[in-house]
Amino acid sequence: MESRAGLPIYCVMNYLLAILLPPVSILLTGRPILAILTFLIWIPAIIFSGGLTHPMFIILAWAIIFHAREDRRERRRI
C-alpha cells in the first residue's frame, strides 16, 4: 500500500513517529546502536533544555530514515 506521495505507508508512519519519538523511529530503520545512543542523549537533552533540542533529534531521525530508504532503493536497482 502506498500513500499519495508514492511512498510506502510504513515510511510515512516512520516520519510521523520521528516527530514524537525520534529514537524509536531510528530503531525501526534498523540501526539499534544508533537508536540507543540517541536515546541516551535525547532524554537528558529534553529534560535540561525543556524541549528546545527536540527539533535537532527530529532532523536527525528524518535524515536517517531518508538515507535508509535511499539505500534500499539502490539495492533494488542492483
PDB file of N, CA and C in Angstrom:
ATOM      1  N   MET A   1       0.843  -1.175   0.000  1.00  0.00           N
ATOM      2  CA  MET A   1       0.000   0.000   0.000  1.00  0.00           C
ATOM      3  C   MET A   1       0.889   1.240   0.000  1.00  0.00           C
ATOM      4  N   GLU A   2       0.526   2.221  -0.795  1.00  0.00           N
ATOM      5  CA  GLU A   2       1.322   3.438  -0.895  1.00  0.00           C
ATOM      6  C   GLU A   2       0.480   4.657  -0.543  1.00  0.00           C
ATOM      7  N   SER A   3       1.165   5.694  -0.105  1.00  0.00           N
ATOM      8  CA  SER A   3       0.488   6.951   0.188  1.00  0.00           C
ATOM      9  C   SER A   3       0.323   7.738  -1.104  1.00  0.00           C
ATOM     10  N   ARG A   4      -0.249   8.888  -1.019  1.00  0.00           N
ATOM     11  CA  ARG A   4      -0.439   9.728  -2.211  1.00  0.00           C
ATOM     12  C   ARG A   4       0.881  10.209  -2.792  1.00  0.00           C
ATOM     13  N   ALA A   5       1.911  10.336  -1.945  1.00  0.00           N
ATOM     14  CA  ALA A   5       3.211  10.815  -2.415  1.00  0.00           C
ATOM     15  C   ALA A   5       4.019   9.699  -3.074  1.00  0.00           C
ATOM     16  N   GLY A   6       3.493   8.480  -3.104  1.00  0.00           N
ATOM     17  CA  GLY A   6       4.206   7.371  -3.709  1.00  0.00           C
ATOM     18  C   GLY A   6       5.128   6.643  -2.753  1.00  0.00           C
ATOM     19  N   LEU A   7       5.133   7.045  -1.499  1.00  0.00           N
ATOM     20  CA  LEU A   7       5.956   6.372  -0.504  1.00  0.00           C
ATOM     21  C   LEU A   7       5.166   5.223   0.105  1.00  0.00           C
ATOM     22  N   PRO A   8       5.843   4.150   0.486  1.00  0.00           N
ATOM     23  CA  PRO A   8       5.125   3.099   1.226  1.00  0.00           C
ATOM     24  C   PRO A   8       4.582   3.677   2.531  1.00  0.00           C
ATOM     25  N   ILE A   9       3.453   3.149   2.957  1.00  0.00           N
ATOM     26  CA  ILE A   9       2.765   3.703   4.132  1.00  0.00           C
ATOM     27  C   ILE A   9       3.612   3.592   5.395  1.00  0.00           C
ATOM     28  N   TYR A  10       4.434   2.516   5.516  1.00  0.00           N
ATOM     29  CA  TYR A  10       5.277   2.386   6.702  1.00  0.00           C
ATOM     30  C   TYR A  10       6.340   3.477   6.739  1.00  0.00           C
ATOM     31  N   CYS A  11       6.747   3.966   5.588  1.00  0.00           N
ATOM     32  CA  CYS A  11       7.737   5.049   5.528  1.00  0.00           C
ATOM     33  C   CYS A  11       7.118   6.354   6.043  1.00  0.00           C
ATOM     34  N   VAL A  12       5.907   6.611   5.633  1.00  0.00           N
ATOM     35  CA  VAL A  12       5.213   7.824   6.080  1.00  0.00           C
ATOM     36  C   VAL A  12       4.981   7.754   7.578  1.00  0.00           C
ATOM     37  N   MET A  13       4.594   6.591   8.077  1.00  0.00           N
ATOM     38  CA  MET A  13       4.357   6.440   9.510  1.00  0.00           C
ATOM     39  C   MET A  13       5.651   6.607  10.304  1.00  0.00           C
ATOM     40  N   ASN A  14       6.763   6.172   9.731  1.00  0.00           N
ATOM     41  CA  ASN A  14       8.041   6.325  10.417  1.00  0.00           C
ATOM     42  C   ASN A  14       8.424   7.806  10.509  1.00  0.00           C
ATOM     43  N   TYR A  15       8.124   8.578   9.470  1.00  0.00           N
ATOM     44  CA  TYR A  15       8.391  10.015   9.533  1.00  0.00           C
ATOM     45  C   TYR A  15       7.533  10.674  10.618  1.00  0.00           C
ATOM     46  N   LEU A  16       6.287  10.259  10.744  1.00  0.00           N
ATOM     47  CA  LEU A  16       5.423  10.808  11.793  1.00  0.00           C
ATOM     48  C   LEU A  16       5.902  10.385  13.185  1.00  0.00           C
ATOM     49  N   LEU A  17       6.363   9.151  13.296  1.00  0.00           N
ATOM     50  CA  LEU A  17       6.888   8.680  14.572  1.00  0.00           C
ATOM     51  C   LEU A  17       8.153   9.446  14.951  1.00  0.00           C
ATOM     52  N   ALA A  18       8.929   9.860  13.953  1.00  0.00           N
ATOM     53  CA  ALA A  18      10.154  10.620  14.211  1.00  0.00           C
ATOM     54  C   ALA A  18       9.850  11.953  14.891  1.00  0.00           C
ATOM     55  N   ILE A  19       8.681  12.497  14.651  1.00  0.00           N
ATOM     56  CA  ILE A  19       8.307  13.757  15.292  1.00  0.00           C
ATOM     57  C   ILE A  19       8.090  13.549  16.793  1.00  0.00           C
ATOM     58  N   LEU A  20       7.474  12.440  17.161  1.00  0.00           N
ATOM     59  CA  LEU A  20       7.153  12.199  18.568  1.00  0.00           C
ATOM     60  C   LEU A  20       8.281  11.501  19.328  1.00  0.00           C
ATOM     61  N   LEU A  21       8.832  10.436  18.748  1.00  0.00           N
ATOM     62  CA  LEU A  21       9.843   9.624  19.415  1.00  0.00           C
ATOM     63  C   LEU A  21      10.998   9.319  18.453  1.00  0.00           C
ATOM     64  N   PRO A  22      11.907  10.243  18.282  1.00  0.00           N
ATOM     65  CA  PRO A  22      12.999  10.029  17.327  1.00  0.00           C
ATOM     66  C   PRO A  22      13.818   8.758  17.575  1.00  0.00           C
ATOM     67  N   PRO A  23      14.164   8.389  18.806  1.00  0.00           N
ATOM     68  CA  PRO A  23      14.948   7.160  18.987  1.00  0.00           C
ATOM     69  C   PRO A  23      14.217   5.898  18.520  1.00  0.00           C
ATOM     70  N   VAL A  24      12.916   5.827  18.735  1.00  0.00           N
ATOM     71  CA  VAL A  24      12.151   4.661  18.284  1.00  0.00           C
ATOM     72  C   VAL A  24      12.120   4.610  16.761  1.00  0.00           C
ATOM     73  N   SER A  25      11.976   5.755  16.144  1.00  0.00           N
ATOM     74  CA  SER A  25      11.980   5.826  14.691  1.00  0.00           C
ATOM     75  C   SER A  25      13.320   5.368  14.117  1.00  0.00           C
ATOM     76  N   ILE A  26      14.406   5.758  14.756  1.00  0.00           N
ATOM     77  CA  ILE A  26      15.737   5.331  14.313  1.00  0.00           C
ATOM     78  C   ILE A  26      15.878   3.820  14.499  1.00  0.00           C
ATOM     79  N   LEU A  27      15.335   3.298  15.572  1.00  0.00           N
ATOM     80  CA  LEU A  27      15.377   1.853  15.809  1.00  0.00           C
ATOM     81  C   LEU A  27      14.637   1.100  14.708  1.00  0.00           C
ATOM     82  N   LEU A  28      13.506   1.624  14.257  1.00  0.00           N
ATOM     83  CA  LEU A  28      12.725   0.961  13.218  1.00  0.00           C
ATOM     84  C   LEU A  28      13.399   0.995  11.848  1.00  0.00           C
ATOM     85  N   THR A  29      14.387   1.860  11.658  1.00  0.00           N
ATOM     86  CA  THR A  29      15.124   1.861  10.394  1.00  0.00           C
ATOM     87  C   THR A  29      16.193   0.792  10.371  1.00  0.00           C
ATOM     88  N   GLY A  30      16.404   0.123  11.506  1.00  0.00           N
ATOM     89  CA  GLY A  30      17.368  -0.964  11.545  1.00  0.00           C
ATOM     90  C   GLY A  30      18.725  -0.558  12.073  1.00  0.00           C
ATOM     91  N   ARG A  31      18.779   0.477  12.887  1.00  0.00           N
ATOM     92  CA  ARG A  31      20.039   0.933  13.471  1.00  0.00           C
ATOM     93  C   ARG A  31      19.912   0.962  14.998  1.00  0.00           C
ATOM     94  N   PRO A  32      19.998  -0.214  15.631  1.00  0.00           N
ATOM     95  CA  PRO A  32      19.748  -0.282  17.081  1.00  0.00           C
ATOM     96  C   PRO A  32      20.792   0.432  17.939  1.00  0.00           C
ATOM     97  N   ILE A  33      22.057   0.353  17.570  1.00  0.00           N
ATOM     98  CA  ILE A  33      23.096   1.007  18.383  1.00  0.00           C
ATOM     99  C   ILE A  33      22.945   2.523  18.319  1.00  0.00           C
ATOM    100  N   LEU A  34      22.689   3.042  17.136  1.00  0.00           N
ATOM    101  CA  LEU A  34      22.469   4.479  16.996  1.00  0.00           C
ATOM    102  C   LEU A  34      21.208   4.909  17.745  1.00  0.00           C
ATOM    103  N   ALA A  35      20.184   4.064  17.751  1.00  0.00           N
ATOM    104  CA  ALA A  35      18.950   4.382  18.480  1.00  0.00           C
ATOM    105  C   ALA A  35      19.210   4.452  19.981  1.00  0.00           C
ATOM    106  N   ILE A  36      20.003   3.525  20.495  1.00  0.00           N
ATOM    107  CA  ILE A  36      20.325   3.542  21.934  1.00  0.00           C
ATOM    108  C   ILE A  36      21.132   4.784  22.288  1.00  0.00           C
ATOM    109  N   LEU A  37      22.132   5.097  21.469  1.00  0.00           N
ATOM    110  CA  LEU A  37      22.932   6.304  21.725  1.00  0.00           C
ATOM    111  C   LEU A  37      22.081   7.565  21.655  1.00  0.00           C
ATOM    112  N   THR A  38      21.205   7.624  20.675  1.00  0.00           N
ATOM    113  CA  THR A  38      20.321   8.785  20.549  1.00  0.00           C
ATOM    114  C   THR A  38      19.399   8.890  21.751  1.00  0.00           C
ATOM    115  N   PHE A  39      18.884   7.760  22.216  1.00  0.00           N
ATOM    116  CA  PHE A  39      18.006   7.772  23.383  1.00  0.00           C
ATOM    117  C   PHE A  39      18.740   8.277  24.619  1.00  0.00           C
ATOM    118  N   LEU A  40      19.983   7.808  24.789  1.00  0.00           N
ATOM    119  CA  LEU A  40      20.762   8.219  25.960  1.00  0.00           C
ATOM    120  C   LEU A  40      21.096   9.712  25.945  1.00  0.00           C
ATOM    121  N   ILE A  41      21.160  10.296  24.789  1.00  0.00           N
ATOM    122  CA  ILE A  41      21.410  11.737  24.676  1.00  0.00           C
ATOM    123  C   ILE A  41      20.095  12.517  24.683  1.00  0.00           C
ATOM    124  N   TRP A  42      19.060  11.935  24.086  1.00  0.00           N
ATOM    125  CA  TRP A  42      17.773  12.611  23.918  1.00  0.00           C
ATOM    126  C   TRP A  42      17.083  12.897  25.249  1.00  0.00           C
ATOM    127  N   ILE A  43      17.048  11.927  26.142  1.00  0.00           N
ATOM    128  CA  ILE A  43      16.349  12.110  27.421  1.00  0.00           C
ATOM    129  C   ILE A  43      16.941  13.268  28.235  1.00  0.00           C
ATOM    130  N   PRO A  44      18.266  13.293  28.492  1.00  0.00           N
ATOM    131  CA  PRO A  44      18.794  14.450  29.244  1.00  0.00           C
ATOM    132  C   PRO A  44      18.635  15.773  28.491  1.00  0.00           C
ATOM    133  N   ALA A  45      18.743  15.716  27.170  1.00  0.00           N
ATOM    134  CA  ALA A  45      18.582  16.955  26.400  1.00  0.00           C
ATOM    135  C   ALA A  45      17.173  17.505  26.537  1.00  0.00           C
ATOM    136  N   ILE A  46      16.176  16.636  26.519  1.00  0.00           N
ATOM    137  CA  ILE A  46      14.786  17.078  26.694  1.00  0.00           C
ATOM    138  C   ILE A  46      14.582  17.645  28.095  1.00  0.00           C
ATOM    139  N   ILE A  47      15.140  16.976  29.092  1.00  0.00           N
ATOM    140  CA  ILE A  47      14.951  17.407  30.483  1.00  0.00           C
ATOM    141  C   ILE A  47      15.637  18.744  30.751  1.00  0.00           C
ATOM    142  N   PHE A  48      16.895  18.858  30.344  1.00  0.00           N
ATOM    143  CA  PHE A  48      17.658  20.061  30.680  1.00  0.00           C
ATOM    144  C   PHE A  48      17.331  21.267  29.807  1.00  0.00           C
ATOM    145  N   SER A  49      16.945  21.035  28.558  1.00  0.00           N
ATOM    146  CA  SER A  49      16.662  22.181  27.692  1.00  0.00           C
ATOM    147  C   SER A  49      15.177  22.512  27.649  1.00  0.00           C
ATOM    148  N   GLY A  50      14.360  21.687  28.252  1.00  0.00           N
ATOM    149  CA  GLY A  50      12.928  21.960  28.230  1.00  0.00           C
ATOM    150  C   GLY A  50      12.296  21.693  26.879  1.00  0.00           C
ATOM    151  N   GLY A  51      12.915  20.867  26.068  1.00  0.00           N
ATOM    152  CA  GLY A  51      12.368  20.518  24.761  1.00  0.00           C
ATOM    153  C   GLY A  51      12.925  21.330  23.611  1.00  0.00           C
ATOM    154  N   LEU A  52      13.821  22.254  23.880  1.00  0.00           N
ATOM    155  CA  LEU A  52      14.357  23.092  22.808  1.00  0.00           C
ATOM    156  C   LEU A  52      15.257  22.323  21.845  1.00  0.00           C
ATOM    157  N   THR A  53      15.825  21.207  22.287  1.00  0.00           N
ATOM    158  CA  THR A  53      16.698  20.423  21.411  1.00  0.00           C
ATOM    159  C   THR A  53      15.932  19.364  20.627  1.00  0.00           C
ATOM    160  N   HIS A  54      14.647  19.194  20.886  1.00  0.00           N
ATOM    161  CA  HIS A  54      13.866  18.158  20.214  1.00  0.00           C
ATOM    162  C   HIS A  54      13.894  18.283  18.687  1.00  0.00           C
ATOM    163  N   PRO A  55      13.796  19.479  18.096  1.00  0.00           N
ATOM    164  CA  PRO A  55      13.863  19.575  16.633  1.00  0.00           C
ATOM    165  C   PRO A  55      15.168  19.025  16.046  1.00  0.00           C
ATOM    166  N   MET A  56      16.256  19.132  16.768  1.00  0.00           N
ATOM    167  CA  MET A  56      17.520  18.587  16.283  1.00  0.00           C
ATOM    168  C   MET A  56      17.416  17.069  16.134  1.00  0.00           C
ATOM    169  N   PHE A  57      16.772  16.403  17.071  1.00  0.00           N
ATOM    170  CA  PHE A  57      16.622  14.954  17.005  1.00  0.00           C
ATOM    171  C   PHE A  57      15.624  14.545  15.929  1.00  0.00           C
ATOM    172  N   ILE A  58      14.626  15.361  15.689  1.00  0.00           N
ATOM    173  CA  ILE A  58      13.684  15.095  14.601  1.00  0.00           C
ATOM    174  C   ILE A  58      14.417  15.144  13.266  1.00  0.00           C
ATOM    175  N   ILE A  59      15.241  16.144  13.070  1.00  0.00           N
ATOM    176  CA  ILE A  59      16.005  16.257  11.822  1.00  0.00           C
ATOM    177  C   ILE A  59      16.960  15.083  11.667  1.00  0.00           C
ATOM    178  N   LEU A  60      17.607  14.669  12.744  1.00  0.00           N
ATOM    179  CA  LEU A  60      18.494  13.507  12.696  1.00  0.00           C
ATOM    180  C   LEU A  60      17.722  12.260  12.283  1.00  0.00           C
ATOM    181  N   ALA A  61      16.564  12.025  12.885  1.00  0.00           N
ATOM    182  CA  ALA A  61      15.764  10.841  12.557  1.00  0.00           C
ATOM    183  C   ALA A  61      15.297  10.890  11.107  1.00  0.00           C
ATOM    184  N   TRP A  62      14.854  12.048  10.639  1.00  0.00           N
ATOM    185  CA  TRP A  62      14.407  12.161   9.249  1.00  0.00           C
ATOM    186  C   TRP A  62      15.552  11.890   8.279  1.00  0.00           C
ATOM    187  N   ALA A  63      16.735  12.384   8.597  1.00  0.00           N
ATOM    188  CA  ALA A  63      17.891  12.140   7.719  1.00  0.00           C
ATOM    189  C   ALA A  63      18.240  10.654   7.683  1.00  0.00           C
ATOM    190  N   ILE A  64      18.167   9.987   8.811  1.00  0.00           N
ATOM    191  CA  ILE A  64      18.473   8.554   8.854  1.00  0.00           C
ATOM    192  C   ILE A  64      17.408   7.751   8.110  1.00  0.00           C
ATOM    193  N   ILE A  65      16.148   8.112   8.255  1.00  0.00           N
ATOM    194  CA  ILE A  65      15.079   7.430   7.526  1.00  0.00           C
ATOM    195  C   ILE A  65      15.271   7.623   6.023  1.00  0.00           C
ATOM    196  N   PHE A  66      15.563   8.836   5.607  1.00  0.00           N
ATOM    197  CA  PHE A  66      15.766   9.121   4.183  1.00  0.00           C
ATOM    198  C   PHE A  66      16.950   8.325   3.645  1.00  0.00           C
ATOM    199  N   HIS A  67      18.039   8.290   4.398  1.00  0.00           N
ATOM    200  CA  HIS A  67      19.231   7.559   3.968  1.00  0.00           C
ATOM    201  C   HIS A  67      18.947   6.059   3.865  1.00  0.00           C
ATOM    202  N   ALA A  68      18.212   5.503   4.819  1.00  0.00           N
ATOM    203  CA  ALA A  68      17.870   4.079   4.773  1.00  0.00           C
ATOM    204  C   ALA A  68      16.985   3.772   3.571  1.00  0.00           C
ATOM    205  N   ARG A  69      16.058   4.671   3.266  1.00  0.00           N
ATOM    206  CA  ARG A  69      15.183   4.468   2.113  1.00  0.00           C
ATOM    207  C   ARG A  69      15.970   4.528   0.810  1.00  0.00           C
ATOM    208  N   GLU A  70      16.932   5.455   0.727  1.00  0.00           N
ATOM    209  CA  GLU A  70      17.769   5.547  -0.467  1.00  0.00           C
ATOM    210  C   GLU A  70      18.649   4.315  -0.626  1.00  0.00           C
ATOM    211  N   ASP A  71      19.176   3.793   0.485  1.00  0.00           N
ATOM    212  CA  ASP A  71      19.972   2.561   0.427  1.00  0.00           C
ATOM    213  C   ASP A  71      19.127   1.397  -0.074  1.00  0.00           C
ATOM    214  N   ARG A  72      17.911   1.303   0.420  1.00  0.00           N
ATOM    215  CA  ARG A  72      17.013   0.232  -0.004  1.00  0.00           C
ATOM    216  C   ARG A  72      16.701   0.348  -1.484  1.00  0.00           C
ATOM    217  N   ARG A  73      16.473   1.568  -1.947  1.00  0.00           N
ATOM    218  CA  ARG A  73      16.180   1.800  -3.357  1.00  0.00           C
ATOM    219  C   ARG A  73      17.384   1.445  -4.226  1.00  0.00           C
ATOM    220  N   GLU A  74      18.574   1.773  -3.745  1.00  0.00           N
ATOM    221  CA  GLU A  74      19.804   1.479  -4.500  1.00  0.00           C
ATOM    222  C   GLU A  74      20.036  -0.034  -4.574  1.00  0.00           C
ATOM    223  N   ARG A  75      19.753  -0.753  -3.509  1.00  0.00           N
ATOM    224  CA  ARG A  75      19.910  -2.212  -3.517  1.00  0.00           C
ATOM    225  C   ARG A  75      18.938  -2.869  -4.471  1.00  0.00           C
ATOM    226  N   ARG A  76      17.742  -2.310  -4.640  1.00  0.00           N
ATOM    227  CA  ARG A  76      16.766  -2.882  -5.581  1.00  0.00           C
ATOM    228  C   ARG A  76      17.222  -2.721  -7.020  1.00  0.00           C
ATOM    229  N   ARG A  77      17.906  -1.626  -7.330  1.00  0.00           N
ATOM    230  CA  ARG A  77      18.366  -1.393  -8.696  1.00  0.00           C
ATOM    231  C   ARG A  77      19.444  -2.379  -9.111  1.00  0.00           C
ATOM    232  N   ILE A  78      20.255  -2.794  -8.160  1.00  0.00           N
ATOM    233  CA  ILE A  78      21.393  -3.668  -8.491  1.00  0.00           C
ATOM    234  C   ILE A  78      20.967  -5.093  -8.672  1.00  0.00           C
TER     235      ILE A  78
END
